[in-house]
N, C-alpha and C. Protein backbone atom coordinates (compact mmCIF):
# COMPACT_ATOMS: atom_id res chain seq x y z
N MET A 1 -148.07 -102.76 63.27
CA MET A 1 -148.67 -101.83 62.25
C MET A 1 -147.34 -101.47 61.13
N SER A 2 -147.76 -101.63 60.20
CA SER A 2 -146.50 -101.33 59.06
C SER A 2 -146.30 -99.90 58.57
N ILE A 3 -145.25 -99.49 58.23
CA ILE A 3 -144.98 -98.12 57.88
C ILE A 3 -145.09 -98.11 56.44
N PRO A 4 -145.72 -97.12 55.90
CA PRO A 4 -145.83 -97.13 54.28
C PRO A 4 -144.77 -96.73 53.60
N THR A 5 -144.22 -97.53 52.79
CA THR A 5 -143.17 -96.82 51.87
C THR A 5 -143.27 -96.06 50.56
N PRO A 6 -142.77 -95.10 50.53
CA PRO A 6 -143.10 -94.21 49.43
C PRO A 6 -143.19 -94.95 47.98
N THR A 7 -144.13 -94.72 47.17
CA THR A 7 -144.40 -95.44 45.83
C THR A 7 -144.42 -94.30 44.66
N ARG A 8 -144.75 -92.88 45.05
CA ARG A 8 -144.76 -92.04 44.15
C ARG A 8 -143.52 -91.49 43.88
N ILE A 9 -143.08 -91.20 42.57
CA ILE A 9 -141.93 -90.92 42.25
C ILE A 9 -141.09 -89.81 42.92
N SER A 10 -141.80 -88.59 43.13
CA SER A 10 -141.56 -87.69 43.81
C SER A 10 -141.15 -87.96 45.16
N GLU A 11 -141.49 -88.75 45.87
CA GLU A 11 -141.33 -89.34 47.28
C GLU A 11 -140.36 -90.55 47.30
N ALA A 12 -140.09 -91.23 46.22
CA ALA A 12 -139.20 -92.19 46.24
C ALA A 12 -137.86 -92.23 45.69
N LEU A 13 -137.68 -91.27 44.70
CA LEU A 13 -136.44 -91.35 43.79
C LEU A 13 -135.69 -89.71 44.37
N PRO A 14 -134.41 -89.78 44.28
CA PRO A 14 -133.91 -88.48 44.82
C PRO A 14 -133.97 -87.73 43.54
N ALA A 15 -133.76 -86.06 43.76
CA ALA A 15 -133.92 -85.16 42.75
C ALA A 15 -133.15 -85.70 41.44
N ASP A 16 -131.75 -85.92 41.57
CA ASP A 16 -130.87 -86.18 40.47
C ASP A 16 -131.52 -87.36 39.72
N CYS A 17 -131.80 -88.27 40.47
CA CYS A 17 -132.25 -89.55 39.58
C CYS A 17 -133.72 -89.51 38.94
N ARG A 18 -134.39 -88.39 39.50
CA ARG A 18 -135.87 -88.36 39.04
C ARG A 18 -135.33 -87.28 37.70
N SER A 19 -134.57 -86.54 37.74
CA SER A 19 -134.20 -85.74 36.61
C SER A 19 -133.64 -86.41 35.54
N ARG A 20 -132.88 -87.32 35.73
CA ARG A 20 -132.27 -88.21 34.66
C ARG A 20 -133.11 -89.21 34.12
N LEU A 21 -134.20 -89.77 34.75
CA LEU A 21 -135.25 -90.48 34.25
C LEU A 21 -136.09 -89.67 33.52
N MET A 22 -136.62 -88.56 33.84
CA MET A 22 -137.33 -87.70 33.13
C MET A 22 -136.84 -86.95 32.00
N GLU A 23 -135.54 -87.04 31.68
CA GLU A 23 -134.96 -86.56 30.36
C GLU A 23 -135.26 -87.59 29.42
N ARG A 24 -135.53 -88.85 29.59
CA ARG A 24 -136.05 -90.02 28.84
C ARG A 24 -137.54 -90.07 28.66
N ALA A 25 -138.45 -89.14 29.09
CA ALA A 25 -139.65 -89.32 29.01
C ALA A 25 -140.56 -88.70 27.88
N ARG A 26 -141.42 -89.37 27.39
CA ARG A 26 -142.35 -88.92 26.45
C ARG A 26 -143.79 -88.61 26.86
N GLU A 27 -144.30 -87.67 26.56
CA GLU A 27 -145.79 -87.50 27.15
C GLU A 27 -146.69 -88.38 26.12
N VAL A 28 -147.62 -89.03 26.73
CA VAL A 28 -148.56 -89.81 26.07
C VAL A 28 -150.01 -89.41 26.70
N ASN A 29 -151.00 -89.91 26.06
CA ASN A 29 -152.39 -89.93 26.40
C ASN A 29 -153.18 -90.79 26.03
N PHE A 30 -153.98 -91.60 27.04
CA PHE A 30 -154.81 -92.50 26.89
C PHE A 30 -156.32 -92.28 27.09
N ALA A 31 -157.15 -92.66 25.99
CA ALA A 31 -158.45 -92.44 26.26
C ALA A 31 -159.00 -93.35 27.36
N GLU A 32 -160.28 -92.93 28.14
CA GLU A 32 -160.85 -93.75 28.83
C GLU A 32 -161.15 -95.40 28.19
N GLY A 33 -160.82 -96.21 29.00
CA GLY A 33 -161.21 -97.90 28.55
C GLY A 33 -159.76 -98.22 27.54
N THR A 34 -158.91 -97.65 27.70
CA THR A 34 -157.54 -98.02 26.78
C THR A 34 -156.89 -99.14 27.38
N ARG A 35 -156.61 -100.11 26.77
CA ARG A 35 -155.75 -101.12 27.68
C ARG A 35 -154.34 -100.75 27.29
N LEU A 36 -153.61 -100.38 28.36
CA LEU A 36 -152.30 -100.24 28.20
C LEU A 36 -151.51 -101.36 27.80
N PHE A 37 -151.75 -102.58 28.44
CA PHE A 37 -151.07 -103.67 28.29
C PHE A 37 -151.83 -104.89 28.84
N ARG A 38 -151.65 -106.18 28.23
CA ARG A 38 -152.29 -107.31 28.84
C ARG A 38 -151.28 -108.44 29.34
N GLU A 39 -151.65 -109.13 30.19
CA GLU A 39 -151.03 -110.00 31.08
C GLU A 39 -150.31 -110.87 29.89
N GLY A 40 -149.12 -111.37 29.85
CA GLY A 40 -148.48 -112.09 29.04
C GLY A 40 -147.76 -111.33 27.90
N GLY A 41 -148.15 -110.14 27.68
CA GLY A 41 -147.66 -109.40 26.41
C GLY A 41 -146.06 -109.18 26.73
N HIS A 42 -145.46 -108.33 25.94
CA HIS A 42 -143.94 -108.03 25.90
C HIS A 42 -143.82 -106.68 26.64
N ALA A 43 -143.18 -106.54 27.74
CA ALA A 43 -142.95 -105.53 28.67
C ALA A 43 -141.94 -104.73 28.07
N ASP A 44 -141.97 -103.72 27.26
CA ASP A 44 -141.16 -102.88 26.65
C ASP A 44 -140.86 -101.59 26.81
N ARG A 45 -142.04 -101.13 27.78
CA ARG A 45 -141.89 -99.76 28.18
C ARG A 45 -142.78 -99.61 29.62
N PHE A 46 -142.92 -98.67 30.19
CA PHE A 46 -143.52 -98.19 31.45
C PHE A 46 -143.82 -96.78 31.37
N TRP A 47 -144.77 -96.47 32.25
CA TRP A 47 -145.39 -95.01 32.65
C TRP A 47 -145.47 -94.67 33.91
N ILE A 48 -145.55 -93.33 34.05
CA ILE A 48 -145.61 -92.62 35.29
C ILE A 48 -146.97 -91.64 35.01
N VAL A 49 -147.90 -91.90 35.81
CA VAL A 49 -148.97 -91.21 35.73
C VAL A 49 -148.93 -89.83 35.81
N ARG A 50 -149.40 -88.73 34.96
CA ARG A 50 -149.44 -87.46 35.38
C ARG A 50 -150.82 -87.12 35.68
N SER A 51 -151.80 -87.55 35.18
CA SER A 51 -153.35 -87.27 35.67
C SER A 51 -154.27 -88.51 35.09
N GLY A 52 -155.24 -88.90 36.23
CA GLY A 52 -156.04 -89.81 35.71
C GLY A 52 -155.98 -91.05 36.41
N THR A 53 -156.70 -92.07 36.16
CA THR A 53 -156.66 -93.30 36.78
C THR A 53 -156.44 -94.46 36.00
N VAL A 54 -155.36 -95.34 36.54
CA VAL A 54 -155.34 -96.64 35.72
C VAL A 54 -155.33 -97.84 36.64
N THR A 55 -156.05 -98.86 36.23
CA THR A 55 -156.62 -99.93 37.13
C THR A 55 -155.67 -101.01 36.62
N LEU A 56 -154.81 -101.93 37.57
CA LEU A 56 -154.28 -103.12 37.31
C LEU A 56 -155.05 -104.48 37.57
N ASP A 57 -155.01 -105.47 36.72
CA ASP A 57 -155.97 -106.27 36.96
C ASP A 57 -155.21 -107.70 36.72
N VAL A 58 -155.83 -108.83 37.20
CA VAL A 58 -155.10 -110.18 37.06
C VAL A 58 -156.17 -110.95 36.37
N HIS A 59 -155.87 -111.80 35.17
CA HIS A 59 -156.72 -112.65 34.62
C HIS A 59 -157.41 -113.56 35.59
N VAL A 60 -158.36 -114.19 35.55
CA VAL A 60 -159.22 -114.96 36.42
C VAL A 60 -159.78 -115.92 35.37
N PRO A 61 -159.60 -117.13 35.24
CA PRO A 61 -160.30 -118.06 34.08
C PRO A 61 -161.59 -118.17 34.49
N GLY A 62 -162.37 -117.95 33.61
CA GLY A 62 -163.83 -117.99 33.80
C GLY A 62 -164.67 -117.01 34.43
N ARG A 63 -163.87 -115.85 34.82
CA ARG A 63 -164.46 -114.81 35.28
C ARG A 63 -164.05 -113.60 34.66
N ARG A 64 -164.47 -112.27 35.00
CA ARG A 64 -163.78 -111.14 34.55
C ARG A 64 -162.56 -110.92 35.22
N ALA A 65 -161.64 -110.10 34.74
CA ALA A 65 -160.40 -109.71 35.33
C ALA A 65 -160.56 -109.22 36.68
N ALA A 66 -159.71 -109.65 37.58
CA ALA A 66 -159.98 -109.24 39.03
C ALA A 66 -158.93 -107.82 39.19
N VAL A 67 -159.70 -106.41 39.58
CA VAL A 67 -158.85 -105.27 39.89
C VAL A 67 -158.16 -105.46 40.90
N ILE A 68 -156.76 -105.20 41.07
CA ILE A 68 -155.87 -105.43 41.91
C ILE A 68 -155.50 -103.91 42.73
N ASP A 69 -155.37 -103.04 41.85
CA ASP A 69 -155.05 -101.85 42.33
C ASP A 69 -155.64 -100.60 41.40
N ASN A 70 -155.63 -99.35 41.92
CA ASN A 70 -155.90 -98.15 41.05
C ASN A 70 -154.71 -97.17 41.21
N LEU A 71 -154.45 -96.73 40.19
CA LEU A 71 -152.97 -95.85 40.40
C LEU A 71 -153.16 -94.45 39.90
N GLY A 72 -152.77 -93.63 40.27
CA GLY A 72 -152.98 -92.09 40.12
C GLY A 72 -151.56 -91.44 39.74
N ALA A 73 -151.77 -90.00 40.00
CA ALA A 73 -150.69 -89.21 39.57
C ALA A 73 -149.51 -89.32 40.53
N GLY A 74 -148.35 -89.57 39.70
CA GLY A 74 -146.96 -89.92 40.01
C GLY A 74 -146.69 -91.25 40.58
N GLN A 75 -147.68 -92.23 39.78
CA GLN A 75 -147.22 -93.66 40.27
C GLN A 75 -146.98 -94.21 39.06
N LEU A 76 -146.13 -95.29 39.35
CA LEU A 76 -145.43 -96.17 38.10
C LEU A 76 -146.55 -97.18 37.85
N VAL A 77 -146.60 -97.12 36.38
CA VAL A 77 -147.65 -98.24 35.71
C VAL A 77 -146.31 -99.25 35.00
N GLY A 78 -146.49 -100.40 35.50
CA GLY A 78 -145.73 -101.29 34.94
C GLY A 78 -144.31 -101.49 35.57
N CYS A 79 -144.09 -102.76 36.09
CA CYS A 79 -142.65 -103.12 36.73
C CYS A 79 -142.03 -104.42 35.94
N SER A 80 -142.69 -104.95 35.06
CA SER A 80 -142.13 -106.15 34.57
C SER A 80 -141.26 -105.86 33.31
N TRP A 81 -140.98 -104.69 32.93
CA TRP A 81 -140.05 -104.16 31.92
C TRP A 81 -138.66 -104.41 32.80
N LEU A 82 -138.58 -104.68 34.06
CA LEU A 82 -137.23 -104.53 34.58
C LEU A 82 -136.77 -105.94 34.79
N PHE A 83 -137.42 -107.09 34.75
CA PHE A 83 -137.18 -108.24 35.06
C PHE A 83 -137.42 -109.35 33.73
N ARG A 84 -136.38 -110.10 33.41
CA ARG A 84 -136.48 -110.96 32.50
C ARG A 84 -137.65 -111.95 32.69
N PRO A 85 -138.40 -112.53 31.90
CA PRO A 85 -138.33 -112.25 30.46
C PRO A 85 -139.12 -111.04 29.83
N TYR A 86 -139.24 -110.25 30.60
CA TYR A 86 -139.78 -108.82 30.01
C TYR A 86 -141.11 -109.06 29.56
N CYS A 87 -141.96 -109.77 30.30
CA CYS A 87 -143.37 -110.24 30.17
C CYS A 87 -144.34 -109.93 31.24
N TRP A 88 -145.49 -108.90 30.79
CA TRP A 88 -146.27 -108.50 31.61
C TRP A 88 -146.91 -109.66 32.71
N ARG A 89 -146.81 -109.16 34.06
CA ARG A 89 -147.50 -110.34 34.66
C ARG A 89 -148.93 -109.90 35.12
N LEU A 90 -149.32 -108.57 34.96
CA LEU A 90 -150.71 -108.15 35.15
C LEU A 90 -151.25 -107.39 34.10
N GLY A 91 -152.34 -106.91 33.84
CA GLY A 91 -153.05 -106.05 32.82
C GLY A 91 -153.03 -104.64 33.41
N ALA A 92 -153.31 -103.75 32.40
CA ALA A 92 -153.66 -102.51 32.90
C ALA A 92 -154.59 -101.77 31.98
N GLU A 93 -155.30 -100.89 32.43
CA GLU A 93 -156.61 -100.33 31.74
C GLU A 93 -156.73 -98.65 32.10
N ALA A 94 -156.83 -97.91 31.13
CA ALA A 94 -157.11 -96.54 31.61
C ALA A 94 -158.65 -96.61 32.26
N MET A 95 -158.81 -96.11 33.27
CA MET A 95 -160.34 -95.86 33.80
C MET A 95 -160.88 -94.55 33.70
N THR A 96 -160.13 -93.74 33.37
CA THR A 96 -160.42 -92.28 33.00
C THR A 96 -159.53 -91.69 32.02
N PRO A 97 -159.62 -90.83 31.37
CA PRO A 97 -158.66 -90.22 30.48
C PRO A 97 -157.41 -90.13 31.28
N VAL A 98 -156.05 -90.53 30.67
CA VAL A 98 -154.93 -90.51 31.36
C VAL A 98 -153.84 -89.77 30.58
N ARG A 99 -153.11 -89.12 31.42
CA ARG A 99 -151.93 -88.22 30.79
C ARG A 99 -150.91 -88.78 31.51
N ALA A 100 -149.63 -89.40 30.88
CA ALA A 100 -148.54 -90.02 31.36
C ALA A 100 -147.32 -89.73 30.64
N TYR A 101 -146.20 -90.13 31.60
CA TYR A 101 -145.06 -89.84 30.94
C TYR A 101 -144.53 -91.54 30.62
N GLU A 102 -144.39 -91.82 29.42
CA GLU A 102 -143.83 -93.08 28.90
C GLU A 102 -142.30 -93.18 28.67
N PHE A 103 -141.64 -94.33 29.11
CA PHE A 103 -140.27 -94.45 29.02
C PHE A 103 -140.09 -95.83 28.23
N ASP A 104 -138.98 -95.92 27.30
CA ASP A 104 -138.60 -96.90 26.57
C ASP A 104 -137.59 -97.65 27.46
N ALA A 105 -138.23 -99.02 27.96
CA ALA A 105 -137.46 -99.68 28.86
C ALA A 105 -136.26 -100.10 28.66
N GLU A 106 -135.88 -100.43 27.42
CA GLU A 106 -134.60 -100.78 26.98
C GLU A 106 -133.48 -99.62 27.23
N ARG A 107 -133.86 -98.53 26.94
CA ARG A 107 -133.00 -97.21 27.20
C ARG A 107 -132.79 -97.18 28.73
N VAL A 108 -133.82 -97.42 29.67
CA VAL A 108 -133.59 -97.13 30.92
C VAL A 108 -132.83 -98.05 31.55
N ARG A 109 -133.05 -99.31 31.00
CA ARG A 109 -132.22 -100.39 31.55
C ARG A 109 -130.69 -100.00 31.19
N ALA A 110 -130.47 -99.53 30.14
CA ALA A 110 -129.21 -99.52 29.67
C ALA A 110 -128.56 -98.13 30.42
N LEU A 111 -129.09 -96.99 30.94
CA LEU A 111 -128.72 -96.19 31.73
C LEU A 111 -128.52 -96.88 33.27
N MET A 112 -129.28 -97.61 33.54
CA MET A 112 -129.30 -98.14 35.02
C MET A 112 -128.04 -99.25 35.16
N ASP A 113 -127.61 -99.77 33.78
CA ASP A 113 -126.40 -100.37 33.86
C ASP A 113 -124.96 -99.66 33.93
N ALA A 114 -125.15 -98.34 33.14
CA ALA A 114 -124.19 -97.40 32.91
C ALA A 114 -123.92 -96.61 34.18
N ASP A 115 -124.85 -96.45 34.94
CA ASP A 115 -124.85 -95.52 36.50
C ASP A 115 -125.23 -96.29 37.58
N ALA A 116 -124.33 -96.94 38.33
CA ALA A 116 -124.89 -97.84 39.59
C ALA A 116 -125.74 -97.13 40.44
N ALA A 117 -125.35 -95.68 40.55
CA ALA A 117 -126.07 -94.88 41.57
C ALA A 117 -127.61 -94.87 41.17
N PHE A 118 -127.83 -94.62 39.93
CA PHE A 118 -129.15 -94.53 39.45
C PHE A 118 -129.75 -95.67 39.40
N GLY A 119 -129.06 -96.90 38.74
CA GLY A 119 -129.80 -98.03 38.65
C GLY A 119 -130.21 -98.63 40.22
N SER A 120 -129.30 -98.47 41.17
CA SER A 120 -129.66 -98.73 42.45
C SER A 120 -130.94 -98.01 42.93
N ALA A 121 -130.88 -96.76 42.76
CA ALA A 121 -132.20 -95.84 43.35
C ALA A 121 -133.39 -96.44 42.49
N LEU A 122 -133.31 -96.61 41.23
CA LEU A 122 -134.59 -96.87 40.38
C LEU A 122 -135.11 -98.35 40.66
N GLY A 123 -134.06 -99.25 41.10
CA GLY A 123 -134.31 -100.67 41.33
C GLY A 123 -135.11 -100.73 42.55
N HIS A 124 -134.40 -99.68 43.63
CA HIS A 124 -135.17 -99.78 45.01
C HIS A 124 -136.37 -99.22 44.94
N TRP A 125 -136.74 -98.13 44.10
CA TRP A 125 -137.95 -97.83 43.91
C TRP A 125 -138.84 -98.62 43.23
N VAL A 126 -138.73 -99.44 42.31
CA VAL A 126 -139.61 -100.29 41.66
C VAL A 126 -139.68 -101.56 42.52
N GLY A 127 -138.73 -102.05 43.53
CA GLY A 127 -138.87 -102.84 44.36
C GLY A 127 -140.07 -102.63 45.48
N GLN A 128 -139.98 -101.39 45.80
CA GLN A 128 -140.79 -100.83 46.71
C GLN A 128 -142.27 -100.62 46.24
N VAL A 129 -142.31 -100.52 45.18
CA VAL A 129 -143.68 -100.59 44.40
C VAL A 129 -144.11 -102.07 44.19
N LEU A 130 -143.24 -103.12 43.94
CA LEU A 130 -143.65 -104.39 43.73
C LEU A 130 -144.21 -104.74 45.00
N ALA A 131 -143.34 -104.43 46.05
CA ALA A 131 -143.81 -105.06 47.60
C ALA A 131 -145.25 -104.71 47.87
N ASN A 132 -145.56 -103.03 47.68
CA ASN A 132 -146.87 -102.78 47.94
C ASN A 132 -147.96 -103.30 46.83
N ARG A 133 -147.57 -103.46 45.64
CA ARG A 133 -148.66 -104.08 44.85
C ARG A 133 -148.73 -105.62 45.15
N LEU A 134 -147.72 -106.42 45.82
CA LEU A 134 -147.99 -107.49 46.07
C LEU A 134 -149.02 -107.57 47.26
N GLN A 135 -148.76 -106.94 48.24
CA GLN A 135 -149.74 -106.91 49.36
C GLN A 135 -151.19 -106.30 49.06
N ALA A 136 -151.21 -105.45 48.12
CA ALA A 136 -152.43 -104.93 47.69
C ALA A 136 -153.36 -106.20 46.83
N ALA A 137 -152.53 -106.78 45.88
CA ALA A 137 -153.01 -107.93 45.14
C ALA A 137 -153.54 -109.13 46.21
N ARG A 138 -152.69 -109.47 47.51
CA ARG A 138 -153.04 -110.53 48.23
C ARG A 138 -154.24 -110.06 48.92
N VAL A 139 -154.41 -108.87 49.42
CA VAL A 139 -155.75 -108.49 50.02
C VAL A 139 -156.69 -108.39 49.24
N ARG A 140 -156.69 -107.81 47.86
CA ARG A 140 -157.71 -107.94 47.17
C ARG A 140 -158.38 -109.37 46.73
N LEU A 141 -157.37 -110.12 46.41
CA LEU A 141 -157.75 -111.46 46.06
C LEU A 141 -158.35 -112.30 46.76
N LEU A 142 -158.01 -112.09 48.41
CA LEU A 142 -158.61 -112.69 49.50
C LEU A 142 -160.01 -112.20 49.59
N ASP A 143 -160.20 -110.89 49.37
CA ASP A 143 -161.62 -110.21 49.68
C ASP A 143 -162.42 -110.76 48.56
N LEU A 144 -162.00 -110.88 47.38
CA LEU A 144 -162.89 -111.56 46.30
C LEU A 144 -163.20 -112.91 46.42
N TYR A 145 -162.24 -113.90 46.79
CA TYR A 145 -162.05 -115.44 46.79
C TYR A 145 -162.10 -116.04 47.97
N ALA A 146 -161.68 -115.70 49.06
CA ALA A 146 -161.58 -116.55 50.34
C ALA A 146 -163.09 -116.15 50.87
N PRO A 147 -163.45 -117.45 51.68
CA PRO A 147 -164.61 -117.37 52.22
C PRO A 147 -165.04 -116.38 53.15
N TYR A 148 -164.11 -115.93 53.77
CA TYR A 148 -164.32 -114.62 54.87
C TYR A 148 -163.55 -113.60 54.48
N GLY A 149 -163.10 -113.31 53.44
CA GLY A 149 -162.30 -112.11 52.95
C GLY A 149 -160.81 -112.27 53.51
N SER A 150 -160.19 -110.83 53.27
CA SER A 150 -158.74 -110.83 53.97
C SER A 150 -158.76 -110.85 55.49
N GLY A 151 -159.89 -110.48 56.20
CA GLY A 151 -159.84 -110.23 57.78
C GLY A 151 -159.18 -108.78 57.84
N SER A 152 -158.67 -108.23 56.82
CA SER A 152 -157.94 -106.91 56.90
C SER A 152 -158.87 -105.77 57.62
N PHE A 153 -158.41 -105.14 58.31
CA PHE A 153 -159.04 -103.86 58.90
C PHE A 153 -158.67 -102.55 57.96
N LEU A 154 -157.95 -102.62 57.12
CA LEU A 154 -157.77 -101.43 56.42
C LEU A 154 -158.75 -100.57 55.61
């Protein structure tokens, strides 16, 4: 049995790091059906959902995109902004009206470089998010395309 790791910002980042990050936030809204980003595009920003639902999907040639995960309040949308070549590895779409905090990736990366403690905390949070999303993607793709599904009892 695995122990879940915190992925919501309120659970994963220390208060001082959360405050420093939130100082760089800009409030944005997305209408239902809005595509936040497409696989392969330039990853120059990221979001933390305030309200609503965002789906993450992966392009499947010859089929509709496969939904990998649903994200809600307090969750990070977009991880590719942290890793060169800063190219989206998945797609994201607002499934409901979404209110979010938006961050300029270059500014946040500069802050991470300037403050090792902040950079470490934010990097560990994004790493936890990625680990959870990789597992979710694995299970979802097995359910969709493997002959007998994932075999998961989740």
